[in-house]
C-alpha atoms as a PDB file:
ATOM      1  CA  MET A   1     -16.036  -3.287  35.499  1.00  0.00           C
ATOM      2  CA  ASN A   2     -13.299  -4.048  32.963  1.00  0.00           C
ATOM      3  CA  PRO A   3     -10.061  -2.055  33.158  1.00  0.00           C
ATOM      4  CA  PRO A   4      -9.422   0.400  30.315  1.00  0.00           C
ATOM      5  CA  MET A   5      -7.661  -0.876  27.227  1.00  0.00           C
ATOM      6  CA  ARG A   6      -4.024   0.220  27.222  1.00  0.00           C
ATOM      7  CA  ILE A   7      -2.803   1.383  23.825  1.00  0.00           C
ATOM      8  CA  THR A   8       0.700   2.534  22.993  1.00  0.00           C
ATOM      9  CA  VAL A   9       1.272   4.384  19.729  1.00  0.00           C
ATOM     10  CA  LEU A  10       4.579   4.883  17.953  1.00  0.00           C
ATOM     11  CA  ALA A  11       4.227   8.113  16.009  1.00  0.00           C
ATOM     12  CA  GLY A  12       5.864  10.842  13.971  1.00  0.00           C
ATOM     13  CA  GLY A  13       4.569  14.379  13.572  1.00  0.00           C
ATOM     14  CA  VAL A  14       1.571  15.545  11.560  1.00  0.00           C
ATOM     15  CA  GLY A  15       0.252  12.111  10.537  1.00  0.00           C
ATOM     16  CA  GLY A  16       0.677  10.781  14.057  1.00  0.00           C
ATOM     17  CA  ALA A  17      -0.971  13.878  15.514  1.00  0.00           C
ATOM     18  CA  ARG A  18      -4.058  13.553  13.331  1.00  0.00           C
ATOM     19  CA  PHE A  19      -4.337   9.850  14.115  1.00  0.00           C
ATOM     20  CA  LEU A  20      -4.192  10.521  17.854  1.00  0.00           C
ATOM     21  CA  LYS A  21      -7.011  13.061  17.673  1.00  0.00           C
ATOM     22  CA  GLY A  22      -9.258  10.299  16.384  1.00  0.00           C
ATOM     23  CA  LEU A  23      -7.906   7.564  18.647  1.00  0.00           C
ATOM     24  CA  ARG A  24      -8.547   9.559  21.810  1.00  0.00           C
ATOM     25  CA  LYS A  25     -12.276   9.655  21.000  1.00  0.00           C
ATOM     26  CA  ILE A  26     -12.491   5.942  21.828  1.00  0.00           C
ATOM     27  CA  GLN A  27     -13.989   5.382  25.265  1.00  0.00           C
ATOM     28  CA  ASP A  28     -12.220   3.556  28.104  1.00  0.00           C
ATOM     29  CA  VAL A  29      -8.683   3.594  26.750  1.00  0.00           C
ATOM     30  CA  GLU A  30      -5.387   4.702  28.247  1.00  0.00           C
ATOM     31  CA  ILE A  31      -3.087   6.061  25.559  1.00  0.00           C
ATOM     32  CA  SER A  32       0.688   6.352  25.643  1.00  0.00           C
ATOM     33  CA  VAL A  33       2.562   7.816  22.688  1.00  0.00           C
ATOM     34  CA  VAL A  34       6.227   7.261  21.894  1.00  0.00           C
ATOM     35  CA  VAL A  35       7.196  10.158  19.630  1.00  0.00           C
ATOM     36  CA  ASN A  36      10.087  10.390  17.188  1.00  0.00           C
ATOM     37  CA  ASN A  37      12.618  13.035  18.128  1.00  0.00           C
ATOM     38  CA  ALA A  38      15.374  12.260  15.644  1.00  0.00           C
ATOM     39  CA  ASP A  39      14.076  15.178  13.534  1.00  0.00           C
ATOM     40  CA  ASP A  40      15.039  17.615  16.304  1.00  0.00           C
ATOM     41  CA  ILE A  41      17.383  20.453  15.461  1.00  0.00           C
ATOM     42  CA  SER A  42      19.060  23.386  17.190  1.00  0.00           C
ATOM     43  CA  MET A  43      18.577  26.748  15.465  1.00  0.00           C
ATOM     44  CA  TYR A  44      18.453  30.383  16.558  1.00  0.00           C
ATOM     45  CA  GLY A  45      19.925  29.247  19.884  1.00  0.00           C
ATOM     46  CA  VAL A  46      16.946  27.050  20.764  1.00  0.00           C
ATOM     47  CA  ARG A  47      16.149  23.329  20.641  1.00  0.00           C
ATOM     48  CA  ILE A  48      13.311  22.520  18.234  1.00  0.00           C
ATOM     49  CA  CYS A  49      11.327  19.268  18.488  1.00  0.00           C
ATOM     50  CA  PRO A  50       8.994  19.300  15.460  1.00  0.00           C
ATOM     51  CA  ASP A  51       7.210  15.964  15.938  1.00  0.00           C
ATOM     52  CA  LEU A  52       6.642  16.379  19.661  1.00  0.00           C
ATOM     53  CA  ASP A  53       5.304  19.890  19.180  1.00  0.00           C
ATOM     54  CA  SER A  54       3.043  18.878  16.290  1.00  0.00           C
ATOM     55  CA  ILE A  55       1.435  16.216  18.466  1.00  0.00           C
ATOM     56  CA  ILE A  56       1.099  18.460  21.516  1.00  0.00           C
ATOM     57  CA  TYR A  57      -0.274  21.422  19.532  1.00  0.00           C
ATOM     58  CA  ASN A  58      -2.786  19.197  17.718  1.00  0.00           C
ATOM     59  CA  LEU A  59      -4.037  17.499  20.879  1.00  0.00           C
ATOM     60  CA  ALA A  60      -4.279  20.897  22.571  1.00  0.00           C
ATOM     61  CA  GLY A  61      -6.323  22.267  19.664  1.00  0.00           C
ATOM     62  CA  VAL A  62      -3.911  25.128  18.941  1.00  0.00           C
ATOM     63  CA  SER A  63      -2.178  23.912  15.768  1.00  0.00           C
ATOM     64  CA  ASP A  64      -2.468  25.539  12.381  1.00  0.00           C
ATOM     65  CA  LEU A  65      -4.559  23.010  10.472  1.00  0.00           C
ATOM     66  CA  VAL A  66      -4.261  24.873   7.174  1.00  0.00           C
ATOM     67  CA  ARG A  67      -0.480  25.201   7.130  1.00  0.00           C
ATOM     68  CA  GLY A  68      -0.080  21.776   8.739  1.00  0.00           C
ATOM     69  CA  TRP A  69       2.537  22.786  11.313  1.00  0.00           C
ATOM     70  CA  GLY A  70       3.094  25.381  14.040  1.00  0.00           C
ATOM     71  CA  ARG A  71       0.519  27.390  15.970  1.00  0.00           C
ATOM     72  CA  ALA A  72      -2.758  28.832  14.743  1.00  0.00           C
ATOM     73  CA  ASP A  73      -3.140  32.636  14.524  1.00  0.00           C
ATOM     74  CA  GLU A  74       0.624  33.003  14.518  1.00  0.00           C
ATOM     75  CA  THR A  75       2.711  36.148  14.121  1.00  0.00           C
ATOM     76  CA  TRP A  76       6.298  36.358  12.879  1.00  0.00           C
ATOM     77  CA  GLN A  77       7.973  39.351  14.542  1.00  0.00           C
ATOM     78  CA  ILE A  78      10.831  37.517  16.284  1.00  0.00           C
ATOM     79  CA  GLN A  79      12.030  35.822  13.127  1.00  0.00           C
ATOM     80  CA  ALA A  80      11.764  39.063  11.168  1.00  0.00           C
ATOM     81  CA  GLU A  81      13.903  40.851  13.739  1.00  0.00           C
ATOM     82  CA  LEU A  82      16.449  38.025  13.802  1.00  0.00           C
ATOM     83  CA  ALA A  83      16.820  38.370  10.043  1.00  0.00           C
ATOM     84  CA  ARG A  84      17.970  41.949  10.560  1.00  0.00           C
ATOM     85  CA  TYR A  85      20.958  40.691  12.548  1.00  0.00           C
ATOM     86  CA  THR A  86      21.903  37.555  10.663  1.00  0.00           C
ATOM     87  CA  ALA A  87      21.448  38.707   7.054  1.00  0.00           C
ATOM     88  CA  THR A  88      21.205  35.045   6.075  1.00  0.00           C
ATOM     89  CA  GLU A  89      18.632  32.948   4.267  1.00  0.00           C
ATOM     90  CA  THR A  90      15.616  32.065   6.420  1.00  0.00           C
ATOM     91  CA  TRP A  91      14.507  28.570   5.502  1.00  0.00           C
ATOM     92  CA  PHE A  92      13.128  27.220   8.777  1.00  0.00           C
ATOM     93  CA  ASN A  93      10.179  29.343   9.860  1.00  0.00           C
ATOM     94  CA  LEU A  94       9.226  29.762  13.505  1.00  0.00           C
ATOM     95  CA  GLY A  95       6.342  31.934  14.661  1.00  0.00           C
ATOM     96  CA  ASP A  96       6.307  33.974  17.849  1.00  0.00           C
ATOM     97  CA  LYS A  97       4.108  31.575  19.826  1.00  0.00           C
ATOM     98  CA  ASP A  98       6.210  28.667  18.614  1.00  0.00           C
ATOM     99  CA  PHE A  99       9.378  30.477  19.676  1.00  0.00           C
ATOM    100  CA  ALA A 100       8.006  30.674  23.223  1.00  0.00           C
ATOM    101  CA  THR A 101       7.805  26.870  23.332  1.00  0.00           C
ATOM    102  CA  HIS A 102      11.379  26.472  22.108  1.00  0.00           C
ATOM    103  CA  ILE A 103      12.739  29.133  24.442  1.00  0.00           C
ATOM    104  CA  HIS A 104      11.041  27.489  27.426  1.00  0.00           C
ATOM    105  CA  ARG A 105      12.266  24.043  26.410  1.00  0.00           C
ATOM    106  CA  SER A 106      15.822  25.196  25.834  1.00  0.00           C
ATOM    107  CA  PHE A 107      15.980  27.044  29.145  1.00  0.00           C
ATOM    108  CA  ALA A 108      14.670  23.981  31.016  1.00  0.00           C
ATOM    109  CA  LEU A 109      17.129  21.644  29.277  1.00  0.00           C
ATOM    110  CA  ASN A 110      20.009  24.012  29.996  1.00  0.00           C
ATOM    111  CA  GLN A 111      18.973  24.059  33.660  1.00  0.00           C
ATOM    112  CA  GLY A 112      19.276  20.271  33.818  1.00  0.00           C
ATOM    113  CA  SER A 113      15.746  19.057  33.108  1.00  0.00           C
ATOM    114  CA  MET A 114      15.338  15.973  30.939  1.00  0.00           C
ATOM    115  CA  LEU A 115      13.338  16.170  27.713  1.00  0.00           C
ATOM    116  CA  HIS A 116      10.637  13.819  29.016  1.00  0.00           C
ATOM    117  CA  GLU A 117      10.166  16.150  31.991  1.00  0.00           C
ATOM    118  CA  VAL A 118       9.791  19.156  29.713  1.00  0.00           C
ATOM    119  CA  VAL A 119       7.262  17.270  27.574  1.00  0.00           C
ATOM    120  CA  ALA A 120       5.278  16.293  30.676  1.00  0.00           C
ATOM    121  CA  GLN A 121       5.146  19.953  31.700  1.00  0.00           C
ATOM    122  CA  GLN A 122       4.004  20.971  28.220  1.00  0.00           C
ATOM    123  CA  CYS A 123       1.201  18.409  28.376  1.00  0.00           C
ATOM    124  CA  ALA A 124       0.154  19.562  31.827  1.00  0.00           C
ATOM    125  CA  THR A 125       0.087  23.175  30.627  1.00  0.00           C
ATOM    126  CA  TRP A 126      -2.217  22.271  27.744  1.00  0.00           C
ATOM    127  CA  GLY A 127      -4.362  19.808  29.710  1.00  0.00           C
ATOM    128  CA  ILE A 128      -3.386  16.788  27.593  1.00  0.00           C
ATOM    129  CA  ALA A 129      -4.407  13.554  29.288  1.00  0.00           C
ATOM    130  CA  GLN A 130      -2.462  11.203  27.047  1.00  0.00           C
ATOM    131  CA  ASN A 131       0.988  10.026  28.168  1.00  0.00           C
ATOM    132  CA  ILE A 132       3.276  11.676  25.602  1.00  0.00           C
ATOM    133  CA  LEU A 133       6.867  10.431  25.658  1.00  0.00           C
ATOM    134  CA  PRO A 134       9.902  11.430  23.607  1.00  0.00           C
ATOM    135  CA  ALA A 135      11.528   8.301  22.229  1.00  0.00           C
ATOM    136  CA  THR A 136      14.781   9.298  23.930  1.00  0.00           C
ATOM    137  CA  ASN A 137      16.137  12.066  26.142  1.00  0.00           C
ATOM    138  CA  ASP A 138      19.423  11.921  24.254  1.00  0.00           C
ATOM    139  CA  GLN A 139      20.202  14.340  21.455  1.00  0.00           C
ATOM    140  CA  ILE A 140      19.927  12.423  18.200  1.00  0.00           C
ATOM    141  CA  GLU A 141      19.618  13.962  14.741  1.00  0.00           C
ATOM    142  CA  THR A 142      18.874  12.398  11.366  1.00  0.00           C
ATOM    143  CA  GLN A 143      21.507  13.138   8.747  1.00  0.00           C
ATOM    144  CA  VAL A 144      20.956  12.730   5.015  1.00  0.00           C
ATOM    145  CA  ILE A 145      23.893  11.200   3.168  1.00  0.00           C
ATOM    146  CA  LEU A 146      24.224  13.022  -0.147  1.00  0.00           C
ATOM    147  CA  LYS A 147      25.109  11.497  -3.488  1.00  0.00           C
ATOM    148  CA  GLU A 148      27.255  14.532  -4.283  1.00  0.00           C
ATOM    149  CA  PRO A 149      28.752  16.984  -1.745  1.00  0.00           C
ATOM    150  CA  PHE A 150      26.831  20.213  -1.164  1.00  0.00           C
ATOM    151  CA  GLU A 151      28.749  23.286   0.005  1.00  0.00           C
ATOM    152  CA  GLY A 152      31.612  20.943   0.864  1.00  0.00           C
ATOM    153  CA  ARG A 153      29.427  18.689   3.008  1.00  0.00           C
ATOM    154  CA  SER A 154      28.738  15.018   2.297  1.00  0.00           C
ATOM    155  CA  SER A 155      25.747  14.998   4.641  1.00  0.00           C
ATOM    156  CA  ILE A 156      23.225  17.537   5.927  1.00  0.00           C
ATOM    157  CA  HIS A 157      20.587  17.595   8.619  1.00  0.00           C
ATOM    158  CA  PHE A 158      17.264  16.078   7.591  1.00  0.00           C
ATOM    159  CA  GLN A 159      15.446  19.364   8.202  1.00  0.00           C
ATOM    160  CA  GLU A 160      17.777  21.230   5.869  1.00  0.00           C
ATOM    161  CA  TRP A 161      17.383  18.544   3.193  1.00  0.00           C
ATOM    162  CA  TRP A 162      13.603  18.565   3.376  1.00  0.00           C
ATOM    163  CA  VAL A 163      12.657  22.133   4.310  1.00  0.00           C
ATOM    164  CA  ARG A 164      15.398  24.144   2.630  1.00  0.00           C
ATOM    165  CA  HIS A 165      16.001  21.948  -0.417  1.00  0.00           C
ATOM    166  CA  ARG A 166      12.625  20.186  -0.660  1.00  0.00           C
ATOM    167  CA  ALA A 167      14.497  16.870  -0.971  1.00  0.00           C
ATOM    168  CA  LYS A 168      15.915  17.929  -4.352  1.00  0.00           C
ATOM    169  CA  LEU A 169      19.480  17.043  -3.391  1.00  0.00           C
ATOM    170  CA  ALA A 170      20.098  13.431  -4.430  1.00  0.00           C
ATOM    171  CA  ALA A 171      20.608  11.229  -1.384  1.00  0.00           C
ATOM    172  CA  THR A 172      21.738   7.673  -0.760  1.00  0.00           C
ATOM    173  CA  ALA A 173      20.953   6.976   2.904  1.00  0.00           C
ATOM    174  CA  PHE A 174      19.824   8.290   6.282  1.00  0.00           C
ATOM    175  CA  GLU A 175      21.968   8.039   9.392  1.00  0.00           C
ATOM    176  CA  ILE A 176      21.155   9.134  12.927  1.00  0.00           C
ATOM    177  CA  SER A 177      23.972  10.806  14.818  1.00  0.00           C
ATOM    178  CA  GLY A 178      24.206   9.700  18.432  1.00  0.00           C
ATOM    179  CA  ILE A 179      21.911   6.711  17.983  1.00  0.00           C
ATOM    180  CA  GLU A 180      24.388   4.109  19.238  1.00  0.00           C
ATOM    181  CA  GLU A 181      24.672   5.778  22.641  1.00  0.00           C
ATOM    182  CA  ALA A 182      21.008   6.784  22.908  1.00  0.00           C
ATOM    183  CA  ARG A 183      18.721   5.147  25.405  1.00  0.00           C
ATOM    184  CA  PRO A 184      14.921   5.047  25.537  1.00  0.00           C
ATOM    185  CA  ALA A 185      13.428   7.816  27.642  1.00  0.00           C
ATOM    186  CA  PRO A 186      11.936   6.763  30.999  1.00  0.00           C
ATOM    187  CA  GLY A 187       8.628   5.014  30.480  1.00  0.00           C
ATOM    188  CA  VAL A 188       9.153   4.133  26.808  1.00  0.00           C
ATOM    189  CA  ILE A 189       9.970   0.448  27.212  1.00  0.00           C
ATOM    190  CA  GLU A 190       7.272   0.010  29.854  1.00  0.00           C
ATOM    191  CA  ALA A 191       4.720   1.672  27.578  1.00  0.00           C
ATOM    192  CA  ILE A 192       5.495  -0.904  24.877  1.00  0.00           C
ATOM    193  CA  THR A 193       5.675  -3.985  27.096  1.00  0.00           C
ATOM    194  CA  ASP A 194       2.878  -3.170  29.567  1.00  0.00           C
ATOM    195  CA  CYS A 195       0.003  -2.512  27.178  1.00  0.00           C
ATOM    196  CA  ASP A 196      -2.656  -4.439  25.304  1.00  0.00           C
ATOM    197  CA  ILE A 197      -2.071  -3.128  21.788  1.00  0.00           C
ATOM    198  CA  VAL A 198       0.858  -1.363  20.147  1.00  0.00           C
ATOM    199  CA  ILE A 199      -0.074   0.718  17.107  1.00  0.00           C
ATOM    200  CA  PHE A 200       2.317   2.003  14.472  1.00  0.00           C
ATOM    201  CA  ALA A 201       0.641   5.258  13.430  1.00  0.00           C
ATOM    202  CA  PRO A 202       0.446   6.172   9.719  1.00  0.00           C
ATOM    203  CA  SER A 203       3.763   7.992   9.972  1.00  0.00           C
ATOM    204  CA  ASN A 204       6.903   7.904   7.852  1.00  0.00           C
ATOM    205  CA  PRO A 205       8.308   4.351   8.171  1.00  0.00           C
ATOM    206  CA  ILE A 206      11.881   5.459   7.483  1.00  0.00           C
ATOM    207  CA  VAL A 207      12.558   8.682   9.399  1.00  0.00           C
ATOM    208  CA  SER A 208       9.749   8.619  11.980  1.00  0.00           C
ATOM    209  CA  ILE A 209       8.778   5.103  13.086  1.00  0.00           C
ATOM    210  CA  GLY A 210      12.062   3.782  11.734  1.00  0.00           C
ATOM    211  CA  SER A 211      14.039   6.252  13.825  1.00  0.00           C
ATOM    212  CA  ILE A 212      12.204   5.255  17.008  1.00  0.00           C
ATOM    213  CA  LEU A 213      12.942   1.599  16.300  1.00  0.00           C
ATOM    214  CA  GLN A 214      16.671   2.300  15.905  1.00  0.00           C
ATOM    215  CA  ILE A 215      17.033   3.438  19.513  1.00  0.00           C
ATOM    216  CA  PRO A 216      18.709   0.517  21.301  1.00  0.00           C
ATOM    217  CA  GLY A 217      16.131  -1.554  23.166  1.00  0.00           C
ATOM    218  CA  VAL A 218      13.007  -0.278  21.424  1.00  0.00           C
ATOM    219  CA  ARG A 219      12.853  -2.747  18.564  1.00  0.00           C
ATOM    220  CA  GLU A 220      13.502  -5.596  20.987  1.00  0.00           C
ATOM    221  CA  ALA A 221      10.663  -4.387  23.199  1.00  0.00           C
ATOM    222  CA  VAL A 222       8.259  -4.430  20.242  1.00  0.00           C
ATOM    223  CA  VAL A 223       9.410  -7.891  19.180  1.00  0.00           C
ATOM    224  CA  HIS A 224       8.964  -9.380  22.639  1.00  0.00           C
ATOM    225  CA  THR A 225       5.928  -7.538  23.998  1.00  0.00           C
ATOM    226  CA  ASP A 226       2.906  -9.644  24.905  1.00  0.00           C
ATOM    227  CA  ALA A 227       0.765  -6.931  23.310  1.00  0.00           C
ATOM    228  CA  THR A 228      -0.549  -7.356  19.793  1.00  0.00           C
ATOM    229  CA  VAL A 229       1.143  -5.030  17.315  1.00  0.00           C
ATOM    230  CA  VAL A 230      -0.790  -3.465  14.441  1.00  0.00           C
ATOM    231  CA  GLY A 231       0.296  -0.893  11.899  1.00  0.00           C
ATOM    232  CA  ILE A 232      -1.624   1.501   9.666  1.00  0.00           C
ATOM    233  CA  SER A 233      -0.300   2.131   6.195  1.00  0.00           C
ATOM    234  CA  PRO A 234       0.906   5.695   5.576  1.00  0.00           C
ATOM    235  CA  ILE A 235       0.600   4.999   1.844  1.00  0.00           C
ATOM    236  CA  ILE A 236      -2.528   4.942  -0.300  1.00  0.00           C
ATOM    237  CA  GLY A 237      -1.825   3.627  -3.775  1.00  0.00           C
ATOM    238  CA  SER A 238       1.601   5.094  -4.467  1.00  0.00           C
ATOM    239  CA  SER A 239       1.182   8.324  -2.495  1.00  0.00           C
ATOM    240  CA  PRO A 240       1.685   9.133   1.194  1.00  0.00           C
ATOM    241  CA  LEU A 241      -1.282  10.087   3.344  1.00  0.00           C
ATOM    242  CA  LEU A 242       0.729  13.070   4.560  1.00  0.00           C
ATOM    243  CA  GLY A 243       4.347  14.104   4.426  1.00  0.00           C
ATOM    244  CA  MET A 244       7.144  12.579   2.400  1.00  0.00           C
ATOM    245  CA  ALA A 245       7.353   8.853   3.024  1.00  0.00           C
ATOM    246  CA  ASP A 246       7.522   8.252  -0.732  1.00  0.00           C
ATOM    247  CA  VAL A 247      10.670  10.389  -1.120  1.00  0.00           C
ATOM    248  CA  CYS A 248      12.411   8.706   1.810  1.00  0.00           C
ATOM    249  CA  MET A 249      11.541   5.246   0.549  1.00  0.00           C
ATOM    250  CA  SER A 250      12.853   6.035  -2.924  1.00  0.00           C
ATOM    251  CA  VAL A 251      16.196   7.094  -1.424  1.00  0.00           C
ATOM    252  CA  LEU A 252      16.524   3.546  -0.075  1.00  0.00           C
ATOM    253  CA  GLY A 253      15.428   1.973  -3.352  1.00  0.00           C
ATOM    254  CA  LEU A 254      12.018   0.935  -2.011  1.00  0.00           C
ATOM    255  CA  SER A 255       8.801   1.143  -3.981  1.00  0.00           C
ATOM    256  CA  THR A 256       6.051   3.338  -2.552  1.00  0.00           C
ATOM    257  CA  SER A 257       3.123   1.105  -1.594  1.00  0.00           C
ATOM    258  CA  SER A 258       1.352  -0.278   1.441  1.00  0.00           C
ATOM    259  CA  VAL A 259       2.870  -3.689   0.732  1.00  0.00           C
ATOM    260  CA  SER A 260       6.374  -2.254   0.562  1.00  0.00           C
ATOM    261  CA  VAL A 261       5.970  -0.613   3.980  1.00  0.00           C
ATOM    262  CA  ALA A 262       4.572  -3.864   5.391  1.00  0.00           C
ATOM    263  CA  LYS A 263       7.723  -5.608   4.177  1.00  0.00           C
ATOM    264  CA  VAL A 264       9.883  -2.966   5.885  1.00  0.00           C
ATOM    265  CA  TYR A 265       8.236  -3.760   9.220  1.00  0.00           C
ATOM    266  CA  GLY A 266       7.690  -7.480   8.667  1.00  0.00           C
ATOM    267  CA  SER A 267       5.620 -10.039  10.526  1.00  0.00           C
ATOM    268  CA  ARG A 268       6.434 -11.059  14.087  1.00  0.00           C
ATOM    269  CA  GLY A 269       5.882 -14.618  12.909  1.00  0.00           C
ATOM    270  CA  ASN A 270       8.866 -14.133  10.579  1.00  0.00           C
ATOM    271  CA  ASN A 271      11.247 -12.174  12.818  1.00  0.00           C
ATOM    272  CA  GLY A 272       9.515  -8.878  12.082  1.00  0.00           C
ATOM    273  CA  LEU A 273       7.471  -6.424  14.136  1.00  0.00           C
ATOM    274  CA  LEU A 274       3.772  -6.603  13.241  1.00  0.00           C
ATOM    275  CA  ASP A 275       0.838  -8.909  13.826  1.00  0.00           C
ATOM    276  CA  GLY A 276      -1.572  -6.896  11.688  1.00  0.00           C
ATOM    277  CA  TRP A 277      -1.460  -4.316   8.886  1.00  0.00           C
ATOM    278  CA  LEU A 278      -4.316  -2.042   7.858  1.00  0.00           C
ATOM    279  CA  ILE A 279      -4.371  -0.784   4.269  1.00  0.00           C
ATOM    280  CA  ALA A 280      -6.604   1.596   2.323  1.00  0.00           C
ATOM    281  CA  ASP A 281      -9.871   0.379   0.836  1.00  0.00           C
ATOM    282  CA  SER A 282      -8.630   1.482  -2.583  1.00  0.00           C
ATOM    283  CA  ASP A 283      -5.709  -0.954  -2.163  1.00  0.00           C
ATOM    284  CA  SER A 284      -7.956  -3.953  -1.412  1.00  0.00           C
ATOM    285  CA  ASN A 285      -6.525  -5.770  -4.432  1.00  0.00           C
ATOM    286  CA  ARG A 286      -3.289  -6.118  -2.430  1.00  0.00           C
ATOM    287  CA  LEU A 287      -4.787  -7.831   0.628  1.00  0.00           C
ATOM    288  CA  ALA A 288      -3.523 -11.241  -0.463  1.00  0.00           C
ATOM    289  CA  GLU A 289       0.046  -9.912  -0.748  1.00  0.00           C
ATOM    290  CA  VAL A 290      -0.121  -8.580   2.811  1.00  0.00           C
ATOM    291  CA  ALA A 291      -1.610 -11.829   4.093  1.00  0.00           C
ATOM    292  CA  ASP A 292       1.214 -13.749   2.395  1.00  0.00           C
ATOM    293  CA  LEU A 293       3.642 -11.842   4.624  1.00  0.00           C
ATOM    294  CA  GLY A 294       2.001 -13.511   7.630  1.00  0.00           C
ATOM    295  CA  LEU A 295      -0.060 -10.518   8.709  1.00  0.00           C
ATOM    296  CA  LEU A 296      -3.675 -10.099   9.673  1.00  0.00           C
ATOM    297  CA  THR A 297      -5.044  -7.507   7.286  1.00  0.00           C
ATOM    298  CA  ALA A 298      -8.082  -5.513   6.227  1.00  0.00           C
ATOM    299  CA  ALA A 299      -8.790  -2.658   3.816  1.00  0.00           C
ATOM    300  CA  VAL A 300     -10.685   0.373   5.111  1.00  0.00           C
ATOM    301  CA  PRO A 301     -10.839   4.121   4.380  1.00  0.00           C
ATOM    302  CA  LEU A 302      -7.618   5.719   5.600  1.00  0.00           C
ATOM    303  CA  LEU A 303      -8.104   9.360   4.649  1.00  0.00           C
ATOM    304  CA  MET A 304      -8.010  11.351   7.900  1.00  0.00           C
ATOM    305  CA  SER A 305     -10.467  13.959   6.652  1.00  0.00           C
ATOM    306  CA  ASP A 306     -11.773  14.714  10.160  1.00  0.00           C
ATOM    307  CA  ASP A 307     -11.626  13.304  13.675  1.00  0.00           C
ATOM    308  CA  ASN A 308     -14.607  10.995  13.137  1.00  0.00           C
ATOM    309  CA  ALA A 309     -13.071   9.477  10.005  1.00  0.00           C
ATOM    310  CA  THR A 310      -9.846   8.982  11.929  1.00  0.00           C
ATOM    311  CA  LEU A 311     -11.779   7.448  14.817  1.00  0.00           C
ATOM    312  CA  ALA A 312     -13.270   4.875  12.442  1.00  0.00           C
ATOM    313  CA  MET A 313      -9.775   4.099  11.146  1.00  0.00           C
ATOM    314  CA  ALA A 314      -8.448   3.649  14.688  1.00  0.00           C
ATOM    315  CA  GLU A 315     -11.364   1.397  15.601  1.00  0.00           C
ATOM    316  CA  ALA A 316     -10.683  -0.706  12.508  1.00  0.00           C
ATOM    317  CA  ALA A 317      -7.032  -1.121  13.494  1.00  0.00           C
ATOM    318  CA  ILE A 318      -7.980  -2.207  16.994  1.00  0.00           C
ATOM    319  CA  GLY A 319     -10.754  -4.470  15.714  1.00  0.00           C
ATOM    320  CA  LEU A 320      -8.335  -6.158  13.325  1.00  0.00           C
ATOM    321  CA  VAL A 321      -6.273  -7.531  16.180  1.00  0.00           C
ATOM    322  CA  MET A 322      -8.816  -7.551  19.017  1.00  0.00           C
ATOM    323  CA  LYS A 323      -9.416 -11.271  18.891  1.00  0.00           C
ATOM    324  CA  GLU A 324      -5.708 -11.977  18.630  1.00  0.00           C
ATOM    325  CA  ALA A 325      -5.007  -9.718  21.613  1.00  0.00           C
ATOM    326  CA  ALA A 326      -7.673 -11.503  23.659  1.00  0.00           C
ATOM    327  CA  ILE A 327      -8.729  -8.249  25.307  1.00  0.00           C
END
């Protein structure tokens, strides 16, 4: 009997969560997930981890699929009561069930638990079999460098830029506070080096996957792993599958396309990160451009309309590099 295939996924929030729901339908695989936590923020006295919670809620089957974030069948009493005391603008919405998660997490962290331990407890509570790992236990936060100061500030937290201002404030760069001192959470490097395939989920290449790769030691682990590394484009045509990859890429002067993202990651044969790159079937006219970057490539449907469609996408990504991985 052959051992299960070991797959490690680097992922952001909603896009990564939907991809994982399809991937886990594959038989005989062991899945580890390294999740971006540079989007984390402290508000209302609690520590909020949007990408980790999106993945856990989705895998647990309790996420709000219509709204795209938070818990299903949510109520909003806590936030409404807080507004009575603060008399300030409410721009980051948290439901009552969601608040329970953040309160529990914050209490555990304040008592000395590490973030990866809290995440493991969350997964055990929800019966999630996959090995979900925060990219780091250290507190890192993405800051948006503004073209013009706003309220006397030259930079603001990514969540404020995106949620409060809908990315309407002109920006020039993204920086991650605390990244130089951050270290990969326990198990992250091993998950990347001791697997058969590493998959870059169709997540934001700048502030999700890109943030994971900036943690010292992670990029090097991807470069040197014996696993085959394949990525799935988060862009179809000139639009993101989900989220705001196009806005983030434009801040850095990058065009929004599957080829542009492939160039951001690069080929391991040319000092980059990937062995293969999956693009949308509607972008098949760009296959030659991807191949010229030194990447194995194929064009398949990438719309994650349901778990079965996502399963087919995951199988295509694995199949693209299966021969190369010699599994």
